[in-house]
Amino acid sequence: MRAAVDAGVQGIHGDCGGALACATCHVATDTAWAERLGPPGALEDEMLDMVEGERTPTSRLSCQILARDELEGLVLIVPACG
């Protein structure tokens, strides 16, 4: 989320600064990556119910995806909103 906000990625607002309190950093993972990331935690799952765009089976909050070497090449989709 921080990298997307710093890079000006449209659709990623991160209004809560990564505190898992707003769902404005909603992304969907590429299907190939969904299993590697694992499922969202309970609180993230609840927050995903409040996303502005359509929630998908691979929806995640980007603030909950921590950058690490094994995620090199990760594909994320910013859903259309509105």
C-alpha atoms as a PDB file:
ATOM      1  CA  MET A   1       0.000   0.000   0.000  1.00  0.00           C
ATOM      2  CA  ARG A   2       2.749   2.447   0.927  1.00  0.00           C
ATOM      3  CA  ALA A   3       4.608   1.781  -2.339  1.00  0.00           C
ATOM      4  CA  ALA A   4       1.400   2.306  -4.353  1.00  0.00           C
ATOM      5  CA  VAL A   5       0.552   5.545  -2.543  1.00  0.00           C
ATOM      6  CA  ASP A   6       4.124   6.834  -2.899  1.00  0.00           C
ATOM      7  CA  ALA A   7       4.067   5.976  -6.618  1.00  0.00           C
ATOM      8  CA  GLY A   8       0.700   7.700  -7.163  1.00  0.00           C
ATOM      9  CA  VAL A   9      -1.125   4.540  -8.266  1.00  0.00           C
ATOM     10  CA  GLN A  10      -4.649   5.660  -9.108  1.00  0.00           C
ATOM     11  CA  GLY A  11      -7.326   3.952  -7.016  1.00  0.00           C
ATOM     12  CA  ILE A  12      -5.040   3.233  -4.045  1.00  0.00           C
ATOM     13  CA  HIS A  13      -5.688   5.899  -1.417  1.00  0.00           C
ATOM     14  CA  GLY A  14      -4.610   4.239   1.843  1.00  0.00           C
ATOM     15  CA  ASP A  15      -6.540   6.813   3.853  1.00  0.00           C
ATOM     16  CA  CYS A  16      -5.859   5.083   7.189  1.00  0.00           C
ATOM     17  CA  GLY A  17      -2.129   4.804   6.539  1.00  0.00           C
ATOM     18  CA  GLY A  18      -2.128   1.027   6.745  1.00  0.00           C
ATOM     19  CA  ALA A  19      -4.009   0.723  10.040  1.00  0.00           C
ATOM     20  CA  LEU A  20      -6.568  -1.693   8.542  1.00  0.00           C
ATOM     21  CA  ALA A  21      -9.389   0.760   9.144  1.00  0.00           C
ATOM     22  CA  CYS A  22     -10.675   2.006   5.790  1.00  0.00           C
ATOM     23  CA  ALA A  23     -10.438  -0.465   2.839  1.00  0.00           C
ATOM     24  CA  THR A  24      -9.262   2.313   0.478  1.00  0.00           C
ATOM     25  CA  CYS A  25      -6.278   0.214  -0.619  1.00  0.00           C
ATOM     26  CA  HIS A  26      -8.386  -2.600  -2.093  1.00  0.00           C
ATOM     27  CA  VAL A  27      -6.695  -4.686  -4.762  1.00  0.00           C
ATOM     28  CA  ALA A  28      -7.302  -8.083  -6.297  1.00  0.00           C
ATOM     29  CA  THR A  29      -4.431 -10.472  -6.681  1.00  0.00           C
ATOM     30  CA  ASP A  30      -3.738 -12.276  -9.886  1.00  0.00           C
ATOM     31  CA  THR A  31      -5.166 -15.787  -9.552  1.00  0.00           C
ATOM     32  CA  ALA A  32      -1.708 -17.320  -9.766  1.00  0.00           C
ATOM     33  CA  TRP A  33      -0.629 -15.350  -6.683  1.00  0.00           C
ATOM     34  CA  ALA A  34      -3.705 -15.810  -4.484  1.00  0.00           C
ATOM     35  CA  GLU A  35      -2.556 -19.106  -2.980  1.00  0.00           C
ATOM     36  CA  ARG A  36       0.973 -17.820  -2.388  1.00  0.00           C
ATOM     37  CA  LEU A  37      -0.363 -14.867  -0.403  1.00  0.00           C
ATOM     38  CA  GLY A  38      -2.825 -16.958   1.575  1.00  0.00           C
ATOM     39  CA  PRO A  39      -6.253 -15.812   2.676  1.00  0.00           C
ATOM     40  CA  PRO A  40      -6.975 -12.497   4.376  1.00  0.00           C
ATOM     41  CA  GLY A  41      -7.068 -12.484   8.161  1.00  0.00           C
ATOM     42  CA  ALA A  42     -10.393 -12.118   9.997  1.00  0.00           C
ATOM     43  CA  LEU A  43     -10.247  -8.322  10.380  1.00  0.00           C
ATOM     44  CA  GLU A  44      -9.097  -7.836   6.794  1.00  0.00           C
ATOM     45  CA  ASP A  45     -11.936 -10.084   5.631  1.00  0.00           C
ATOM     46  CA  GLU A  46     -14.435  -7.880   7.493  1.00  0.00           C
ATOM     47  CA  MET A  47     -12.941  -4.722   5.984  1.00  0.00           C
ATOM     48  CA  LEU A  48     -13.141  -6.244   2.498  1.00  0.00           C
ATOM     49  CA  ASP A  49     -16.923  -6.324   2.905  1.00  0.00           C
ATOM     50  CA  MET A  50     -16.797  -2.504   2.777  1.00  0.00           C
ATOM     51  CA  VAL A  51     -14.743  -1.985  -0.398  1.00  0.00           C
ATOM     52  CA  GLU A  52     -16.053   0.536  -2.894  1.00  0.00           C
ATOM     53  CA  GLY A  53     -15.538  -1.668  -5.951  1.00  0.00           C
ATOM     54  CA  GLU A  54     -16.612  -5.251  -6.404  1.00  0.00           C
ATOM     55  CA  ARG A  55     -15.091  -7.717  -3.963  1.00  0.00           C
ATOM     56  CA  THR A  56     -13.645 -10.744  -5.745  1.00  0.00           C
ATOM     57  CA  PRO A  57     -12.438 -14.126  -4.446  1.00  0.00           C
ATOM     58  CA  THR A  58      -8.870 -12.768  -4.636  1.00  0.00           C
ATOM     59  CA  SER A  59      -9.555  -9.344  -3.078  1.00  0.00           C
ATOM     60  CA  ARG A  60      -7.028  -8.129  -0.532  1.00  0.00           C
ATOM     61  CA  LEU A  61      -6.166  -4.888   1.210  1.00  0.00           C
ATOM     62  CA  SER A  62      -2.759  -3.928  -0.086  1.00  0.00           C
ATOM     63  CA  CYS A  63      -1.746  -2.588   3.339  1.00  0.00           C
ATOM     64  CA  GLN A  64      -1.828  -6.187   4.555  1.00  0.00           C
ATOM     65  CA  ILE A  65       0.525  -7.502   1.862  1.00  0.00           C
ATOM     66  CA  LEU A  66       4.020  -7.090   3.228  1.00  0.00           C
ATOM     67  CA  ALA A  67       6.744  -6.767   0.609  1.00  0.00           C
ATOM     68  CA  ARG A  68       9.235  -9.624   0.776  1.00  0.00           C
ATOM     69  CA  ASP A  69      11.641 -11.297  -1.622  1.00  0.00           C
ATOM     70  CA  GLU A  70       9.345 -14.245  -2.410  1.00  0.00           C
ATOM     71  CA  LEU A  71       6.712 -11.813  -3.729  1.00  0.00           C
ATOM     72  CA  GLU A  72       8.994 -10.515  -6.498  1.00  0.00           C
ATOM     73  CA  GLY A  73       6.797 -10.196  -9.611  1.00  0.00           C
ATOM     74  CA  LEU A  74       3.500 -10.073  -7.690  1.00  0.00           C
ATOM     75  CA  VAL A  75       0.605  -8.990  -9.927  1.00  0.00           C
ATOM     76  CA  LEU A  76      -2.135  -6.838  -8.363  1.00  0.00           C
ATOM     77  CA  ILE A  77      -5.238  -5.415 -10.010  1.00  0.00           C
ATOM     78  CA  VAL A  78      -6.825  -2.154  -8.837  1.00  0.00           C
ATOM     79  CA  PRO A  79     -10.583  -2.698  -9.289  1.00  0.00           C
ATOM     80  CA  ALA A  80     -12.678  -0.053 -10.998  1.00  0.00           C
ATOM     81  CA  CYS A  81     -14.778   1.933  -8.548  1.00  0.00           C
ATOM     82  CA  GLY A  82     -17.865   3.990  -8.967  1.00  0.00           C
END
